[in-house]
Amino acid sequence: MQRISAILDRVAPKLPELKVTNVFDFIKMNLPPREHILSPWLPIQGLAMIYAPRGVGKTHVALGVAYAVTSGTQFLNWSAPKPRGVLYLDGEMPATLMQERLLTLMNDTKLSVPFKLITPDLQNGPMPDLATCKGQLMVEPHLKDIDLIIVDNISTLCRSSKENEADSWLPVQEWALKMRASGKSILFIHHAGKGGNQRGTSKREDILDSVIVLKRPDDYKPKDGAIFQVHFEKARGFIGEEAESFEAHLTSNLDSHAWITRPIASSSYDQVITLANQGLKQKEIAKKLDIDKSNVSRHLKRATQEGKITHHLQAF
């Protein structure tokens, strides 16, 4: 009989028992308030994604988030209430470049919590594929005292998941939900496609608390360096000023760097529209904003097409 029972267990294993709660009992439960790892958009047991086109600054932001969380400090317009452990999974950055960025970012700071890195150049074999059970198990031994897992990026670290097939994302989704149930948060980093939207299936967003997209400013020039706009496409649990878009600009010297942020409403495009509608000439606008006349002309052309110019324009 025992042998038959064992065979039946292998063929049809016992299902885990579901916990069903009466709604009236549930609403009376004394549940702790949901705290944040990084306020306002990354809660404890939260799932989030940042995506952007190549070269816009995804890894800059991901590392900035990681350092703010481990040090309990601020990054851009976001703040970490206290230090928490981070595991950073880097799927494609050369080790020397990753080292340079971390040295500039941390500057000999001592941390009280783990800040762990798994990066491809230090491995004897391939990086974990989180779309497979094997890849998930490879990461598991390194999760002690870790509160946030940063997956940089989906294309390199979820390789078996076909980007355009919704069902192909399910193994990663199940892993993410398992991590959340165990008390951990995950930040996915992803590429944008040619149209500016995230590559592949939008099903990824179903379980996410927050989705952030990084975009170049309209008047961006390569000499401007690392500058981008931050937009919230999904903001669960926060509204108003906390969910407003802003612009971030990286300023650097030989030993360190700093981020400067400002509301997007004060970007040059909006300022050109305001000044043009006040009756200023193109030359006057360029001088007042300290930008090239060609940029003023480009902004005015776009604004005119969009019907935002209400004053008769004068070229000089």
C-alpha atoms as a PDB file:
ATOM      1  CA  MET A   1       0.000   0.000   0.000  1.00  0.00           C
ATOM      2  CA  GLN A   2       2.825   2.381   0.883  1.00  0.00           C
ATOM      3  CA  ARG A   3       4.500   1.576  -2.433  1.00  0.00           C
ATOM      4  CA  ILE A   4       1.306   2.396  -4.341  1.00  0.00           C
ATOM      5  CA  SER A   5       0.966   5.652  -2.396  1.00  0.00           C
ATOM      6  CA  ALA A   6       4.557   6.621  -3.245  1.00  0.00           C
ATOM      7  CA  ILE A   7       3.948   5.934  -6.949  1.00  0.00           C
ATOM      8  CA  LEU A   8       0.772   8.033  -6.859  1.00  0.00           C
ATOM      9  CA  ASP A   9       2.676  10.905  -5.231  1.00  0.00           C
ATOM     10  CA  ARG A  10       5.205  10.862  -8.066  1.00  0.00           C
ATOM     11  CA  VAL A  11       2.559  10.718 -10.771  1.00  0.00           C
ATOM     12  CA  ALA A  12       0.179  13.205  -9.132  1.00  0.00           C
ATOM     13  CA  PRO A  13       2.077  15.045  -6.368  1.00  0.00           C
ATOM     14  CA  LYS A  14       0.113  16.557  -3.517  1.00  0.00           C
ATOM     15  CA  LEU A  15      -0.903  20.119  -4.217  1.00  0.00           C
ATOM     16  CA  PRO A  16       0.011  22.806  -1.689  1.00  0.00           C
ATOM     17  CA  GLU A  17      -2.898  23.709   0.547  1.00  0.00           C
ATOM     18  CA  LEU A  18      -4.430  27.109  -0.212  1.00  0.00           C
ATOM     19  CA  LYS A  19      -5.128  29.485   2.665  1.00  0.00           C
ATOM     20  CA  VAL A  20      -8.620  30.935   2.278  1.00  0.00           C
ATOM     21  CA  THR A  21      -9.631  33.884   4.448  1.00  0.00           C
ATOM     22  CA  ASN A  22     -13.060  35.277   5.145  1.00  0.00           C
ATOM     23  CA  VAL A  23     -13.140  38.869   3.842  1.00  0.00           C
ATOM     24  CA  PHE A  24     -14.533  40.230   7.119  1.00  0.00           C
ATOM     25  CA  ASP A  25     -11.710  38.534   9.030  1.00  0.00           C
ATOM     26  CA  PHE A  26      -9.182  39.816   6.501  1.00  0.00           C
ATOM     27  CA  ILE A  27     -10.155  43.486   6.827  1.00  0.00           C
ATOM     28  CA  LYS A  28      -9.793  43.218  10.621  1.00  0.00           C
ATOM     29  CA  MET A  29      -6.222  41.889  10.392  1.00  0.00           C
ATOM     30  CA  ASN A  30      -3.541  44.105  11.902  1.00  0.00           C
ATOM     31  CA  LEU A  31      -1.301  44.266   8.820  1.00  0.00           C
ATOM     32  CA  PRO A  32       1.855  46.410   8.935  1.00  0.00           C
ATOM     33  CA  PRO A  33       1.895  49.456   6.618  1.00  0.00           C
ATOM     34  CA  ARG A  34       3.821  48.970   3.389  1.00  0.00           C
ATOM     35  CA  GLU A  35       7.214  50.599   3.792  1.00  0.00           C
ATOM     36  CA  HIS A  36       9.514  51.742   1.013  1.00  0.00           C
ATOM     37  CA  ILE A  37      12.950  50.616  -0.038  1.00  0.00           C
ATOM     38  CA  LEU A  38      13.184  53.738  -2.191  1.00  0.00           C
ATOM     39  CA  SER A  39      10.410  56.282  -1.801  1.00  0.00           C
ATOM     40  CA  PRO A  40       8.030  56.862  -3.483  1.00  0.00           C
ATOM     41  CA  TRP A  41       8.096  54.173  -6.176  1.00  0.00           C
ATOM     42  CA  LEU A  42       9.856  51.057  -4.821  1.00  0.00           C
ATOM     43  CA  PRO A  43       8.107  49.505  -1.807  1.00  0.00           C
ATOM     44  CA  ILE A  44       9.245  46.598   0.299  1.00  0.00           C
ATOM     45  CA  GLN A  45       8.178  43.448  -1.564  1.00  0.00           C
ATOM     46  CA  GLY A  46       7.801  45.649  -4.628  1.00  0.00           C
ATOM     47  CA  LEU A  47       8.343  44.882  -8.301  1.00  0.00           C
ATOM     48  CA  ALA A  48       9.402  47.633 -10.701  1.00  0.00           C
ATOM     49  CA  MET A  49      10.963  48.224 -14.103  1.00  0.00           C
ATOM     50  CA  ILE A  50      13.064  50.970 -15.669  1.00  0.00           C
ATOM     51  CA  TYR A  51      13.466  50.989 -19.438  1.00  0.00           C
ATOM     52  CA  ALA A  52      15.103  53.283 -21.980  1.00  0.00           C
ATOM     53  CA  PRO A  53      16.801  53.284 -25.381  1.00  0.00           C
ATOM     54  CA  ARG A  54      20.453  52.267 -25.557  1.00  0.00           C
ATOM     55  CA  GLY A  55      22.893  54.815 -24.192  1.00  0.00           C
ATOM     56  CA  VAL A  56      20.363  56.951 -22.323  1.00  0.00           C
ATOM     57  CA  GLY A  57      21.523  56.012 -18.817  1.00  0.00           C
ATOM     58  CA  LYS A  58      19.774  52.863 -17.604  1.00  0.00           C
ATOM     59  CA  THR A  59      22.819  51.460 -15.808  1.00  0.00           C
ATOM     60  CA  HIS A  60      23.709  54.881 -14.361  1.00  0.00           C
ATOM     61  CA  VAL A  61      20.256  54.984 -12.796  1.00  0.00           C
ATOM     62  CA  ALA A  62      20.281  51.330 -11.707  1.00  0.00           C
ATOM     63  CA  LEU A  63      23.632  51.746  -9.934  1.00  0.00           C
ATOM     64  CA  GLY A  64      22.449  55.002  -8.377  1.00  0.00           C
ATOM     65  CA  VAL A  65      19.375  53.228  -7.038  1.00  0.00           C
ATOM     66  CA  ALA A  66      21.513  50.360  -5.716  1.00  0.00           C
ATOM     67  CA  TYR A  67      23.885  52.683  -3.884  1.00  0.00           C
ATOM     68  CA  ALA A  68      21.088  54.818  -2.411  1.00  0.00           C
ATOM     69  CA  VAL A  69      19.351  51.695  -1.090  1.00  0.00           C
ATOM     70  CA  THR A  70      22.505  50.179   0.444  1.00  0.00           C
ATOM     71  CA  SER A  71      23.626  53.478   1.993  1.00  0.00           C
ATOM     72  CA  GLY A  72      20.192  54.733   3.052  1.00  0.00           C
ATOM     73  CA  THR A  73      20.624  57.989   1.137  1.00  0.00           C
ATOM     74  CA  GLN A  74      19.003  59.951  -1.692  1.00  0.00           C
ATOM     75  CA  PHE A  75      19.279  59.513  -5.453  1.00  0.00           C
ATOM     76  CA  LEU A  76      17.678  61.934  -7.901  1.00  0.00           C
ATOM     77  CA  ASN A  77      14.294  62.841  -6.346  1.00  0.00           C
ATOM     78  CA  TRP A  78      14.020  59.573  -4.424  1.00  0.00           C
ATOM     79  CA  SER A  79      15.128  58.628  -0.912  1.00  0.00           C
ATOM     80  CA  ALA A  80      15.899  55.399   0.932  1.00  0.00           C
ATOM     81  CA  PRO A  81      14.637  55.489   4.556  1.00  0.00           C
ATOM     82  CA  LYS A  82      17.374  53.142   5.776  1.00  0.00           C
ATOM     83  CA  PRO A  83      20.160  50.910   4.381  1.00  0.00           C
ATOM     84  CA  ARG A  84      19.057  47.596   2.890  1.00  0.00           C
ATOM     85  CA  GLY A  85      20.966  44.812   1.156  1.00  0.00           C
ATOM     86  CA  VAL A  86      21.225  44.722  -2.642  1.00  0.00           C
ATOM     87  CA  LEU A  87      22.205  42.004  -5.128  1.00  0.00           C
ATOM     88  CA  TYR A  88      23.085  43.529  -8.499  1.00  0.00           C
ATOM     89  CA  LEU A  89      22.910  41.136 -11.459  1.00  0.00           C
ATOM     90  CA  ASP A  90      24.869  42.719 -14.315  1.00  0.00           C
ATOM     91  CA  GLY A  91      24.256  41.032 -17.645  1.00  0.00           C
ATOM     92  CA  GLU A  92      26.541  42.866 -20.059  1.00  0.00           C
ATOM     93  CA  MET A  93      28.805  45.550 -18.580  1.00  0.00           C
ATOM     94  CA  PRO A  94      32.587  45.001 -18.992  1.00  0.00           C
ATOM     95  CA  ALA A  95      34.154  44.499 -15.556  1.00  0.00           C
ATOM     96  CA  THR A  96      36.585  47.419 -15.931  1.00  0.00           C
ATOM     97  CA  LEU A  97      33.781  49.856 -16.777  1.00  0.00           C
ATOM     98  CA  MET A  98      31.607  48.563 -13.951  1.00  0.00           C
ATOM     99  CA  GLN A  99      34.529  49.019 -11.564  1.00  0.00           C
ATOM    100  CA  GLU A 100      35.080  52.607 -12.743  1.00  0.00           C
ATOM    101  CA  ARG A 101      31.431  53.505 -12.237  1.00  0.00           C
ATOM    102  CA  LEU A 102      31.287  51.960  -8.789  1.00  0.00           C
ATOM    103  CA  LEU A 103      34.509  53.685  -7.684  1.00  0.00           C
ATOM    104  CA  THR A 104      33.134  57.047  -8.804  1.00  0.00           C
ATOM    105  CA  LEU A 105      29.772  56.358  -7.201  1.00  0.00           C
ATOM    106  CA  MET A 106      30.903  55.003  -3.837  1.00  0.00           C
ATOM    107  CA  ASN A 107      34.173  56.862  -3.219  1.00  0.00           C
ATOM    108  CA  ASP A 108      35.395  54.600  -0.341  1.00  0.00           C
ATOM    109  CA  THR A 109      32.026  54.666   1.445  1.00  0.00           C
ATOM    110  CA  LYS A 110      31.634  52.040   4.180  1.00  0.00           C
ATOM    111  CA  LEU A 111      28.333  50.165   4.067  1.00  0.00           C
ATOM    112  CA  SER A 112      26.542  48.412   6.922  1.00  0.00           C
ATOM    113  CA  VAL A 113      24.580  46.051   4.647  1.00  0.00           C
ATOM    114  CA  PRO A 114      25.549  43.746   1.752  1.00  0.00           C
ATOM    115  CA  PHE A 115      26.032  45.205  -1.730  1.00  0.00           C
ATOM    116  CA  LYS A 116      26.770  42.151  -3.914  1.00  0.00           C
ATOM    117  CA  LEU A 117      27.576  42.027  -7.611  1.00  0.00           C
ATOM    118  CA  ILE A 118      27.364  39.177 -10.120  1.00  0.00           C
ATOM    119  CA  THR A 119      28.980  40.289 -13.385  1.00  0.00           C
ATOM    120  CA  PRO A 120      29.833  38.235 -16.501  1.00  0.00           C
ATOM    121  CA  ASP A 121      33.584  38.886 -16.793  1.00  0.00           C
ATOM    122  CA  LEU A 122      34.217  37.220 -13.415  1.00  0.00           C
ATOM    123  CA  GLN A 123      32.347  34.000 -14.233  1.00  0.00           C
ATOM    124  CA  ASN A 124      33.763  30.684 -15.421  1.00  0.00           C
ATOM    125  CA  GLY A 125      30.573  29.997 -17.348  1.00  0.00           C
ATOM    126  CA  PRO A 126      27.462  31.791 -18.571  1.00  0.00           C
ATOM    127  CA  MET A 127      25.447  34.147 -16.397  1.00  0.00           C
ATOM    128  CA  PRO A 128      22.215  32.821 -14.845  1.00  0.00           C
ATOM    129  CA  ASP A 129      19.173  32.693 -17.114  1.00  0.00           C
ATOM    130  CA  LEU A 130      16.298  33.714 -14.834  1.00  0.00           C
ATOM    131  CA  ALA A 131      13.759  32.360 -17.316  1.00  0.00           C
ATOM    132  CA  THR A 132      14.920  28.843 -16.339  1.00  0.00           C
ATOM    133  CA  CYS A 133      14.732  26.909 -13.090  1.00  0.00           C
ATOM    134  CA  LYS A 134      18.504  26.337 -13.238  1.00  0.00           C
ATOM    135  CA  GLY A 135      19.229  30.047 -13.502  1.00  0.00           C
ATOM    136  CA  GLN A 136      16.930  30.854 -10.610  1.00  0.00           C
ATOM    137  CA  LEU A 137      18.588  28.201  -8.446  1.00  0.00           C
ATOM    138  CA  MET A 138      22.041  29.622  -9.279  1.00  0.00           C
ATOM    139  CA  VAL A 139      21.039  32.948  -7.741  1.00  0.00           C
ATOM    140  CA  GLU A 140      19.289  31.544  -4.669  1.00  0.00           C
ATOM    141  CA  PRO A 141      22.402  30.882  -2.490  1.00  0.00           C
ATOM    142  CA  HIS A 142      23.374  34.563  -2.734  1.00  0.00           C
ATOM    143  CA  LEU A 143      20.134  36.042  -1.396  1.00  0.00           C
ATOM    144  CA  LYS A 144      20.898  36.016   2.328  1.00  0.00           C
ATOM    145  CA  ASP A 145      20.320  39.491   3.839  1.00  0.00           C
ATOM    146  CA  ILE A 146      19.286  40.819   0.409  1.00  0.00           C
ATOM    147  CA  ASP A 147      16.218  43.062   0.205  1.00  0.00           C
ATOM    148  CA  LEU A 148      16.506  44.244  -3.415  1.00  0.00           C
ATOM    149  CA  ILE A 149      17.523  42.301  -6.528  1.00  0.00           C
ATOM    150  CA  ILE A 150      18.407  44.433  -9.557  1.00  0.00           C
ATOM    151  CA  VAL A 151      18.215  42.567 -12.873  1.00  0.00           C
ATOM    152  CA  ASP A 152      20.254  44.542 -15.433  1.00  0.00           C
ATOM    153  CA  ASN A 153      18.931  43.599 -17.929  1.00  0.00           C
ATOM    154  CA  ILE A 154      16.003  41.459 -19.094  1.00  0.00           C
ATOM    155  CA  SER A 155      17.506  40.697 -22.520  1.00  0.00           C
ATOM    156  CA  THR A 156      20.730  39.216 -21.140  1.00  0.00           C
ATOM    157  CA  LEU A 157      19.490  37.678 -17.883  1.00  0.00           C
ATOM    158  CA  CYS A 158      16.125  36.262 -19.033  1.00  0.00           C
ATOM    159  CA  ARG A 159      17.466  34.853 -22.275  1.00  0.00           C
ATOM    160  CA  SER A 160      15.049  31.944 -22.688  1.00  0.00           C
ATOM    161  CA  SER A 161      12.085  34.290 -22.479  1.00  0.00           C
ATOM    162  CA  LYS A 162      11.060  35.333 -26.003  1.00  0.00           C
ATOM    163  CA  GLU A 163      10.416  39.071 -25.831  1.00  0.00           C
ATOM    164  CA  ASN A 164       7.274  39.143 -27.980  1.00  0.00           C
ATOM    165  CA  GLU A 165       5.545  36.099 -26.480  1.00  0.00           C
ATOM    166  CA  ALA A 166       3.491  36.840 -23.366  1.00  0.00           C
ATOM    167  CA  ASP A 167       3.491  33.227 -22.129  1.00  0.00           C
ATOM    168  CA  SER A 168       7.271  33.103 -22.406  1.00  0.00           C
ATOM    169  CA  TRP A 169       7.471  35.663 -19.586  1.00  0.00           C
ATOM    170  CA  LEU A 170       5.567  33.436 -17.135  1.00  0.00           C
ATOM    171  CA  PRO A 171       8.625  31.634 -15.639  1.00  0.00           C
ATOM    172  CA  VAL A 172      10.229  34.991 -14.812  1.00  0.00           C
ATOM    173  CA  GLN A 173       6.939  36.311 -13.460  1.00  0.00           C
ATOM    174  CA  GLU A 174       6.548  33.280 -11.198  1.00  0.00           C
ATOM    175  CA  TRP A 175      10.114  33.731  -9.924  1.00  0.00           C
ATOM    176  CA  ALA A 176       9.474  37.431  -9.250  1.00  0.00           C
ATOM    177  CA  LEU A 177       6.299  36.636  -7.311  1.00  0.00           C
ATOM    178  CA  LYS A 178       8.170  33.976  -5.349  1.00  0.00           C
ATOM    179  CA  MET A 179      10.859  36.514  -4.454  1.00  0.00           C
ATOM    180  CA  ARG A 180       8.192  39.008  -3.415  1.00  0.00           C
ATOM    181  CA  ALA A 181       6.509  36.405  -1.212  1.00  0.00           C
ATOM    182  CA  SER A 182       9.863  35.806   0.501  1.00  0.00           C
ATOM    183  CA  GLY A 183      10.113  39.528   1.336  1.00  0.00           C
ATOM    184  CA  LYS A 184      12.336  40.744  -1.483  1.00  0.00           C
ATOM    185  CA  SER A 185      11.902  43.483  -4.088  1.00  0.00           C
ATOM    186  CA  ILE A 186      13.031  43.322  -7.717  1.00  0.00           C
ATOM    187  CA  LEU A 187      13.981  46.079 -10.141  1.00  0.00           C
ATOM    188  CA  PHE A 188      14.105  44.974 -13.782  1.00  0.00           C
ATOM    189  CA  ILE A 189      16.129  46.999 -16.302  1.00  0.00           C
ATOM    190  CA  HIS A 190      15.006  46.745 -19.928  1.00  0.00           C
ATOM    191  CA  HIS A 191      15.639  48.169 -23.394  1.00  0.00           C
ATOM    192  CA  ALA A 192      13.247  50.350 -25.355  1.00  0.00           C
ATOM    193  CA  GLY A 193      12.515  49.524 -28.979  1.00  0.00           C
ATOM    194  CA  LYS A 194      12.866  51.820 -31.985  1.00  0.00           C
ATOM    195  CA  GLY A 195       9.527  53.483 -31.249  1.00  0.00           C
ATOM    196  CA  GLY A 196      10.535  54.357 -27.702  1.00  0.00           C
ATOM    197  CA  ASN A 197       8.284  51.792 -26.004  1.00  0.00           C
ATOM    198  CA  GLN A 198       9.618  48.828 -24.044  1.00  0.00           C
ATOM    199  CA  ARG A 199      10.675  45.929 -26.232  1.00  0.00           C
ATOM    200  CA  GLY A 200       8.433  42.899 -26.376  1.00  0.00           C
ATOM    201  CA  THR A 201       5.280  41.943 -24.510  1.00  0.00           C
ATOM    202  CA  SER A 202       3.518  44.424 -22.249  1.00  0.00           C
ATOM    203  CA  LYS A 203       2.467  41.498 -20.022  1.00  0.00           C
ATOM    204  CA  ARG A 204       5.554  42.235 -17.914  1.00  0.00           C
ATOM    205  CA  GLU A 205       3.766  45.245 -16.466  1.00  0.00           C
ATOM    206  CA  ASP A 206       0.860  43.222 -15.040  1.00  0.00           C
ATOM    207  CA  ILE A 207       2.531  42.465 -11.705  1.00  0.00           C
ATOM    208  CA  LEU A 208       4.682  45.597 -11.452  1.00  0.00           C
ATOM    209  CA  ASP A 209       4.106  48.399  -8.956  1.00  0.00           C
ATOM    210  CA  SER A 210       6.033  50.988 -10.957  1.00  0.00           C
ATOM    211  CA  VAL A 211       7.266  51.435 -14.518  1.00  0.00           C
ATOM    212  CA  ILE A 212       9.731  54.225 -15.316  1.00  0.00           C
ATOM    213  CA  VAL A 213      10.872  55.267 -18.784  1.00  0.00           C
ATOM    214  CA  LEU A 214      13.963  57.390 -19.432  1.00  0.00           C
ATOM    215  CA  LYS A 215      13.901  59.656 -22.498  1.00  0.00           C
ATOM    216  CA  ARG A 216      16.236  62.153 -24.135  1.00  0.00           C
ATOM    217  CA  PRO A 217      15.147  65.825 -23.981  1.00  0.00           C
ATOM    218  CA  ASP A 218      13.844  67.237 -27.250  1.00  0.00           C
ATOM    219  CA  ASP A 219      16.840  69.568 -27.544  1.00  0.00           C
ATOM    220  CA  TYR A 220      19.444  66.935 -26.607  1.00  0.00           C
ATOM    221  CA  LYS A 221      22.901  67.136 -28.172  1.00  0.00           C
ATOM    222  CA  PRO A 222      25.633  64.466 -27.727  1.00  0.00           C
ATOM    223  CA  LYS A 223      27.924  67.025 -26.087  1.00  0.00           C
ATOM    224  CA  ASP A 224      25.347  67.352 -23.286  1.00  0.00           C
ATOM    225  CA  GLY A 225      26.420  63.947 -21.927  1.00  0.00           C
ATOM    226  CA  ALA A 226      24.204  62.009 -19.512  1.00  0.00           C
ATOM    227  CA  ILE A 227      20.927  63.913 -19.435  1.00  0.00           C
ATOM    228  CA  PHE A 228      17.468  62.393 -19.602  1.00  0.00           C
ATOM    229  CA  GLN A 229      13.859  62.816 -18.591  1.00  0.00           C
ATOM    230  CA  VAL A 230      12.226  60.504 -16.043  1.00  0.00           C
ATOM    231  CA  HIS A 231       8.578  59.609 -16.699  1.00  0.00           C
ATOM    232  CA  PHE A 232       6.329  57.315 -14.646  1.00  0.00           C
ATOM    233  CA  GLU A 233       4.215  55.093 -16.909  1.00  0.00           C
ATOM    234  CA  LYS A 234       2.808  53.154 -13.963  1.00  0.00           C
ATOM    235  CA  ALA A 235       2.641  54.505 -10.423  1.00  0.00           C
ATOM    236  CA  ARG A 236       0.858  52.249  -7.955  1.00  0.00           C
ATOM    237  CA  GLY A 237       0.323  53.840  -4.563  1.00  0.00           C
ATOM    238  CA  PHE A 238       1.576  57.380  -5.214  1.00  0.00           C
ATOM    239  CA  ILE A 239       0.155  60.380  -7.059  1.00  0.00           C
ATOM    240  CA  GLY A 240       0.577  64.128  -7.447  1.00  0.00           C
ATOM    241  CA  GLU A 241       4.027  65.694  -7.191  1.00  0.00           C
ATOM    242  CA  GLU A 242       5.655  62.345  -6.372  1.00  0.00           C
ATOM    243  CA  ALA A 243       4.560  60.978  -9.751  1.00  0.00           C
ATOM    244  CA  GLU A 244       5.536  64.032 -11.802  1.00  0.00           C
ATOM    245  CA  SER A 245       8.178  63.752 -14.507  1.00  0.00           C
ATOM    246  CA  PHE A 246      11.532  65.477 -14.131  1.00  0.00           C
ATOM    247  CA  GLU A 247      14.848  65.952 -15.906  1.00  0.00           C
ATOM    248  CA  ALA A 248      18.187  64.643 -14.573  1.00  0.00           C
ATOM    249  CA  HIS A 249      21.670  65.765 -15.621  1.00  0.00           C
ATOM    250  CA  LEU A 250      24.951  64.127 -14.568  1.00  0.00           C
ATOM    251  CA  THR A 251      27.795  66.525 -13.778  1.00  0.00           C
ATOM    252  CA  SER A 252      31.254  64.982 -13.369  1.00  0.00           C
ATOM    253  CA  ASN A 253      34.826  65.730 -12.423  1.00  0.00           C
ATOM    254  CA  LEU A 254      37.877  63.479 -12.113  1.00  0.00           C
ATOM    255  CA  ASP A 255      36.950  62.010  -8.726  1.00  0.00           C
ATOM    256  CA  SER A 256      33.176  62.147  -8.373  1.00  0.00           C
ATOM    257  CA  HIS A 257      29.891  63.048  -9.973  1.00  0.00           C
ATOM    258  CA  ALA A 258      26.595  64.603  -8.953  1.00  0.00           C
ATOM    259  CA  TRP A 259      23.068  64.592 -10.332  1.00  0.00           C
ATOM    260  CA  ILE A 260      21.067  67.764 -10.866  1.00  0.00           C
ATOM    261  CA  THR A 261      17.294  67.481 -11.301  1.00  0.00           C
ATOM    262  CA  ARG A 262      14.635  69.949 -12.383  1.00  0.00           C
ATOM    263  CA  PRO A 263      10.986  69.828 -13.395  1.00  0.00           C
ATOM    264  CA  ILE A 264      10.472  69.132 -17.073  1.00  0.00           C
ATOM    265  CA  ALA A 265       8.193  72.160 -17.263  1.00  0.00           C
ATOM    266  CA  SER A 266      11.321  74.325 -17.071  1.00  0.00           C
ATOM    267  CA  SER A 267      13.026  72.619 -20.024  1.00  0.00           C
ATOM    268  CA  SER A 268      14.062  74.806 -22.937  1.00  0.00           C
ATOM    269  CA  TYR A 269      11.197  73.668 -25.188  1.00  0.00           C
ATOM    270  CA  ASP A 270       8.553  74.920 -22.768  1.00  0.00           C
ATOM    271  CA  GLN A 271      10.505  78.091 -22.057  1.00  0.00           C
ATOM    272  CA  VAL A 272      10.768  78.882 -25.780  1.00  0.00           C
ATOM    273  CA  ILE A 273       6.993  78.526 -26.131  1.00  0.00           C
ATOM    274  CA  THR A 274       6.379  80.812 -23.151  1.00  0.00           C
ATOM    275  CA  LEU A 275       8.755  83.525 -24.377  1.00  0.00           C
ATOM    276  CA  ALA A 276       7.494  83.341 -27.968  1.00  0.00           C
ATOM    277  CA  ASN A 277       3.936  83.845 -26.773  1.00  0.00           C
ATOM    278  CA  GLN A 278       5.137  86.871 -24.797  1.00  0.00           C
ATOM    279  CA  GLY A 279       6.240  88.433 -28.089  1.00  0.00           C
ATOM    280  CA  LEU A 280      10.018  87.914 -27.954  1.00  0.00           C
ATOM    281  CA  LYS A 281      11.905  87.477 -31.215  1.00  0.00           C
ATOM    282  CA  GLN A 282      13.916  84.319 -31.939  1.00  0.00           C
ATOM    283  CA  LYS A 283      17.226  86.118 -31.360  1.00  0.00           C
ATOM    284  CA  GLU A 284      15.995  87.469 -28.026  1.00  0.00           C
ATOM    285  CA  ILE A 285      14.800  84.038 -26.942  1.00  0.00           C
ATOM    286  CA  ALA A 286      18.161  82.455 -27.814  1.00  0.00           C
ATOM    287  CA  LYS A 287      20.023  85.109 -25.816  1.00  0.00           C
ATOM    288  CA  LYS A 288      17.712  84.916 -22.806  1.00  0.00           C
ATOM    289  CA  LEU A 289      17.895  81.115 -22.577  1.00  0.00           C
ATOM    290  CA  ASP A 290      21.555  80.915 -23.661  1.00  0.00           C
ATOM    291  CA  ILE A 291      20.844  78.368 -26.384  1.00  0.00           C
ATOM    292  CA  ASP A 292      21.592  78.259 -30.117  1.00  0.00           C
ATOM    293  CA  LYS A 293      19.207  80.042 -32.476  1.00  0.00           C
ATOM    294  CA  SER A 294      18.915  76.772 -34.398  1.00  0.00           C
ATOM    295  CA  ASN A 295      17.468  75.125 -31.269  1.00  0.00           C
ATOM    296  CA  VAL A 296      15.000  77.988 -30.876  1.00  0.00           C
ATOM    297  CA  SER A 297      13.968  77.598 -34.511  1.00  0.00           C
ATOM    298  CA  ARG A 298      13.497  73.828 -34.117  1.00  0.00           C
ATOM    299  CA  HIS A 299      11.399  74.259 -30.961  1.00  0.00           C
ATOM    300  CA  LEU A 300       9.249  76.937 -32.581  1.00  0.00           C
ATOM    301  CA  LYS A 301       8.662  74.815 -35.672  1.00  0.00           C
ATOM    302  CA  ARG A 302       7.464  71.902 -33.545  1.00  0.00           C
ATOM    303  CA  ALA A 303       5.392  74.134 -31.260  1.00  0.00           C
ATOM    304  CA  THR A 304       3.749  75.796 -34.263  1.00  0.00           C
ATOM    305  CA  GLN A 305       2.838  72.396 -35.721  1.00  0.00           C
ATOM    306  CA  GLU A 306       1.336  71.439 -32.352  1.00  0.00           C
ATOM    307  CA  GLY A 307      -0.666  74.675 -32.191  1.00  0.00           C
ATOM    308  CA  LYS A 308       1.079  75.980 -29.069  1.00  0.00           C
ATOM    309  CA  ILE A 309       2.187  79.346 -30.490  1.00  0.00           C
ATOM    310  CA  THR A 310      -0.498  82.005 -30.090  1.00  0.00           C
ATOM    311  CA  HIS A 311       1.608  85.086 -30.909  1.00  0.00           C
ATOM    312  CA  HIS A 312       2.742  86.191 -34.374  1.00  0.00           C
ATOM    313  CA  LEU A 313       6.392  85.105 -34.707  1.00  0.00           C
ATOM    314  CA  GLN A 314       9.226  87.378 -35.727  1.00  0.00           C
ATOM    315  CA  ALA A 315      12.416  85.753 -36.962  1.00  0.00           C
ATOM    316  CA  PHE A 316      14.872  88.417 -35.823  1.00  0.00           C
END
